[in-house]
Amino acid sequence: MYKVTWRKPALDDVAKIVTYTKIEWGIAQADKIVDIFEQTTRFLSESPKIGKRVRRKNVYALVLSKVPFVVVYEMKGQDVIVNKVIHMSKRR
């Protein structure tokens, strides 16, 4: 299994997503979002190449199902480092 680390900017992205979701749709929906990001961590620890490789070597983007977000991460040996979470509407 790979070690997954979320960098502060990625954690900040998730915190903003959860806060917004809680305000707009309630705590139950916010809890579902948290569950999705926890599942994402498990998936990345088991199968880090599940995402699509992007322009830079060892950088991947994982489009999440059920929510409109993309997790951008890099692989360094046995480590998976999550750099940011992007809303699908903001992808370039």
C-alpha atoms as a PDB file:
ATOM      1  CA  MET A   1       0.000   0.000   0.000  1.00  0.00           C
ATOM      2  CA  TYR A   2       1.049   3.541  -0.699  1.00  0.00           C
ATOM      3  CA  LYS A   3       1.207   6.328   1.867  1.00  0.00           C
ATOM      4  CA  VAL A   4      -1.217   9.159   1.009  1.00  0.00           C
ATOM      5  CA  THR A   5      -0.471  12.674   2.263  1.00  0.00           C
ATOM      6  CA  TRP A   6      -2.758  15.662   1.737  1.00  0.00           C
ATOM      7  CA  ARG A   7      -0.881  18.954   1.438  1.00  0.00           C
ATOM      8  CA  LYS A   8      -2.315  21.972   3.229  1.00  0.00           C
ATOM      9  CA  PRO A   9      -3.772  23.585   0.062  1.00  0.00           C
ATOM     10  CA  ALA A  10      -5.652  20.350  -0.700  1.00  0.00           C
ATOM     11  CA  LEU A  11      -6.926  20.128   2.874  1.00  0.00           C
ATOM     12  CA  ASP A  12      -8.019  23.762   2.642  1.00  0.00           C
ATOM     13  CA  ASP A  13      -9.885  22.954  -0.585  1.00  0.00           C
ATOM     14  CA  VAL A  14     -11.713  20.081   1.109  1.00  0.00           C
ATOM     15  CA  ALA A  15     -12.547  22.220   4.150  1.00  0.00           C
ATOM     16  CA  LYS A  16     -14.071  24.900   1.890  1.00  0.00           C
ATOM     17  CA  ILE A  17     -16.056  22.284  -0.020  1.00  0.00           C
ATOM     18  CA  VAL A  18     -17.402  20.721   3.169  1.00  0.00           C
ATOM     19  CA  THR A  19     -18.276  24.107   4.707  1.00  0.00           C
ATOM     20  CA  TYR A  20     -20.070  25.260   1.566  1.00  0.00           C
ATOM     21  CA  THR A  21     -21.947  21.961   1.295  1.00  0.00           C
ATOM     22  CA  LYS A  22     -23.007  22.136   4.942  1.00  0.00           C
ATOM     23  CA  ILE A  23     -24.356  25.674   4.517  1.00  0.00           C
ATOM     24  CA  GLU A  24     -26.143  24.998   1.229  1.00  0.00           C
ATOM     25  CA  TRP A  25     -27.387  21.416   1.686  1.00  0.00           C
ATOM     26  CA  GLY A  26     -26.982  20.492   5.349  1.00  0.00           C
ATOM     27  CA  ILE A  27     -24.786  18.395   7.550  1.00  0.00           C
ATOM     28  CA  ALA A  28     -25.908  15.035   6.156  1.00  0.00           C
ATOM     29  CA  GLN A  29     -24.743  15.990   2.663  1.00  0.00           C
ATOM     30  CA  ALA A  30     -21.505  17.455   4.046  1.00  0.00           C
ATOM     31  CA  ASP A  31     -20.868  14.134   5.819  1.00  0.00           C
ATOM     32  CA  LYS A  32     -21.303  12.334   2.479  1.00  0.00           C
ATOM     33  CA  ILE A  33     -18.665  14.620   0.944  1.00  0.00           C
ATOM     34  CA  VAL A  34     -16.270  13.786   3.785  1.00  0.00           C
ATOM     35  CA  ASP A  35     -16.915  10.071   3.181  1.00  0.00           C
ATOM     36  CA  ILE A  36     -16.123  10.484  -0.518  1.00  0.00           C
ATOM     37  CA  PHE A  37     -12.762  12.125   0.246  1.00  0.00           C
ATOM     38  CA  GLU A  38     -11.957   9.402   2.792  1.00  0.00           C
ATOM     39  CA  GLN A  39     -12.764   6.749   0.161  1.00  0.00           C
ATOM     40  CA  THR A  40     -10.555   8.618  -2.281  1.00  0.00           C
ATOM     41  CA  THR A  41      -7.658   8.374   0.164  1.00  0.00           C
ATOM     42  CA  ARG A  42      -8.196   4.613   0.450  1.00  0.00           C
ATOM     43  CA  PHE A  43      -8.415   4.200  -3.341  1.00  0.00           C
ATOM     44  CA  LEU A  44      -5.198   6.151  -3.844  1.00  0.00           C
ATOM     45  CA  SER A  45      -3.384   4.110  -1.209  1.00  0.00           C
ATOM     46  CA  GLU A  46      -4.366   0.893  -2.994  1.00  0.00           C
ATOM     47  CA  SER A  47      -4.230   1.967  -6.663  1.00  0.00           C
ATOM     48  CA  PRO A  48      -2.453   5.288  -7.095  1.00  0.00           C
ATOM     49  CA  LYS A  49      -2.389   5.091 -10.884  1.00  0.00           C
ATOM     50  CA  ILE A  50      -6.187   5.110 -10.958  1.00  0.00           C
ATOM     51  CA  GLY A  51      -6.109   8.749 -12.095  1.00  0.00           C
ATOM     52  CA  LYS A  52      -5.217  10.069 -15.512  1.00  0.00           C
ATOM     53  CA  ARG A  53      -1.645  11.218 -15.976  1.00  0.00           C
ATOM     54  CA  VAL A  54      -1.459  14.917 -16.757  1.00  0.00           C
ATOM     55  CA  ARG A  55       1.236  16.992 -18.393  1.00  0.00           C
ATOM     56  CA  ARG A  56       3.972  16.606 -15.794  1.00  0.00           C
ATOM     57  CA  LYS A  57       5.640  13.300 -15.079  1.00  0.00           C
ATOM     58  CA  ASN A  58       4.150  11.467 -12.092  1.00  0.00           C
ATOM     59  CA  VAL A  59       1.249  13.936 -11.738  1.00  0.00           C
ATOM     60  CA  TYR A  60      -2.276  12.560 -11.980  1.00  0.00           C
ATOM     61  CA  ALA A  61      -5.844  13.834 -11.922  1.00  0.00           C
ATOM     62  CA  LEU A  62      -8.614  11.696 -10.482  1.00  0.00           C
ATOM     63  CA  VAL A  63     -12.153  12.666 -11.434  1.00  0.00           C
ATOM     64  CA  LEU A  64     -14.404  11.749  -8.528  1.00  0.00           C
ATOM     65  CA  SER A  65     -17.696  10.040  -9.159  1.00  0.00           C
ATOM     66  CA  LYS A  66     -20.893  11.404  -7.599  1.00  0.00           C
ATOM     67  CA  VAL A  67     -19.350  14.853  -6.984  1.00  0.00           C
ATOM     68  CA  PRO A  68     -17.969  17.467  -9.408  1.00  0.00           C
ATOM     69  CA  PHE A  69     -14.371  17.472  -8.193  1.00  0.00           C
ATOM     70  CA  VAL A  70     -10.949  16.465  -9.456  1.00  0.00           C
ATOM     71  CA  VAL A  71      -8.140  15.456  -7.090  1.00  0.00           C
ATOM     72  CA  VAL A  72      -4.688  16.396  -8.397  1.00  0.00           C
ATOM     73  CA  TYR A  73      -1.825  14.376  -6.942  1.00  0.00           C
ATOM     74  CA  GLU A  74       1.702  13.230  -7.602  1.00  0.00           C
ATOM     75  CA  MET A  75       3.549  10.006  -6.978  1.00  0.00           C
ATOM     76  CA  LYS A  76       7.005   9.892  -5.434  1.00  0.00           C
ATOM     77  CA  GLY A  77       8.122   6.338  -4.871  1.00  0.00           C
ATOM     78  CA  GLN A  78       5.670   4.777  -2.417  1.00  0.00           C
ATOM     79  CA  ASP A  79       4.145   8.166  -1.549  1.00  0.00           C
ATOM     80  CA  VAL A  80       1.042   9.756  -3.028  1.00  0.00           C
ATOM     81  CA  ILE A  81       0.859  13.495  -2.376  1.00  0.00           C
ATOM     82  CA  VAL A  82      -2.466  15.226  -2.937  1.00  0.00           C
ATOM     83  CA  ASN A  83      -1.800  18.800  -4.044  1.00  0.00           C
ATOM     84  CA  LYS A  84      -5.249  20.251  -4.659  1.00  0.00           C
ATOM     85  CA  VAL A  85      -8.921  19.621  -5.278  1.00  0.00           C
ATOM     86  CA  ILE A  86     -10.545  21.436  -8.197  1.00  0.00           C
ATOM     87  CA  HIS A  87     -14.228  21.930  -8.973  1.00  0.00           C
ATOM     88  CA  MET A  88     -14.996  20.563 -12.448  1.00  0.00           C
ATOM     89  CA  SER A  89     -16.270  23.953 -13.592  1.00  0.00           C
ATOM     90  CA  LYS A  90     -12.820  25.447 -12.953  1.00  0.00           C
ATOM     91  CA  ARG A  91     -10.782  22.928 -14.953  1.00  0.00           C
ATOM     92  CA  ARG A  92      -8.840  24.299 -17.881  1.00  0.00           C
END
